[in-house]
Amino acid sequence: MCEEDLIDGIGTSEWIRGTRGGTADHGGMILGRMGELVSVGVFPARPMGRAALPPDYAAVIIDSGVPRVYDDAVKEETVIAYPLGTFLVRDLLLPEAARGWRGLVGDYAQRIEFIRDISADNLGLEVAQIYQLLLGIPESTTLSEIEALARAGGAGQAFESMHRRDIGDKFPHIGPEHPVRLRRRFAFGLAEQDRVRAMVGYMNAGDMGTALELVRISHAGDRENEVADEDLLHRLAKAEGGDRADLCFLPGGYGRMTPAYDRVATTINDFLLDSGGRTAGSVQRLGAGWGGNVGGLVRKEYVSGPRRRDFEELLQRELNIDCDLANCIASPGEGACLLTPPAEG
């Protein structure tokens, strides 16, 4: 069995069974390489890029001590935002924009299946045009309102098809009139996939300061932040001037954060910035959010060198986290694989 089929098979089975993890999780386990950051694509599963971990940094995972408490309705809202936003872009916004956007590829509808397919490179667009698309995504909406927009725009059948395929009865807490904070959650997804691309690029270029900044921006994107018209217009103007224009610098507002959980990552990041500057390290939430572990990349001097004691004292004093940082170091493995059966005889 090839790696692609192994990853997609295991990941899809976990989604069907409702157990933890999915295709990207297993892609990371199988495609991971020792001493490297690997970007994993799915459907099909494949490596999208890689960067060597600098030898003076360690990957760390720290138990925040904040218990994870799910809000089922909000959890469903964060998930449903991606297919809804993708539908609006593919079936309503791009058909209108196609009349004036000369760079837009003619087969954009066939190219867009998931949110990951909405990128400037895939669609022949400039980053500024992606910001214009986000301006067309409502800050808050409902399924009923999106259906009405679709029917008014001649995309009623496309909405019905999308609803059967991507929504159906998967979201019992999201009724037709349930408000969905769509723009900020969808913007987070677009920006987060660009952060993965940019993270690999900045690390390969040796720019750890910006790479670690992206970790902090990603953490900020987990808060309940709206993405207002004014913010997008400001970023659109910057994009046209080429000044830190990429989507990776847009936090978004996914909304899987609590004040207590936020405080852990923010306190650690502030300490690292104040004591060692932009290249000292940074952490963010891990996993599903709302609590649990935080993790990231930190200079080894903070976990096994002269600044370790200061770091451990901060964790104890400010966050009541009592830990041995040497036990928080995560060592990248070479990747899981199928076992080869022993030869008979």
Foldseek 3Di string as FASTA:
>chain_A
DDPQCVLQVVQVVCVVVVHDHHSVVQLCQFQFAFQKDWDWDVPRTDTPFMFGHPPQKFWFKAALPFDFDDDQQLLLLLQVLWLLLLCCVLQPVVVVCVVPFVQFDPPLNVQGDTLLSPDCVNGRHALLVVLVSLVVDDQKDFQLVSCVSCVVRVNNVVSVVSCVPPPPPPRVSRDRGDMRRRSLSSLQVNLVSVLSVVLNVCNNVVNLLVNQVLQVLQQVLQAQDTCDPVNSVVLSVCSVVPHPNDSSNHSGYSHQEDPSQSCSQVLLVVVQCVPPNSNQWGWHDDDPHRGTMIITMGRVCCQPNDNVVVSQVSCCPVSVRHDRSVVRTDGTHGHDDDDDDDDDD
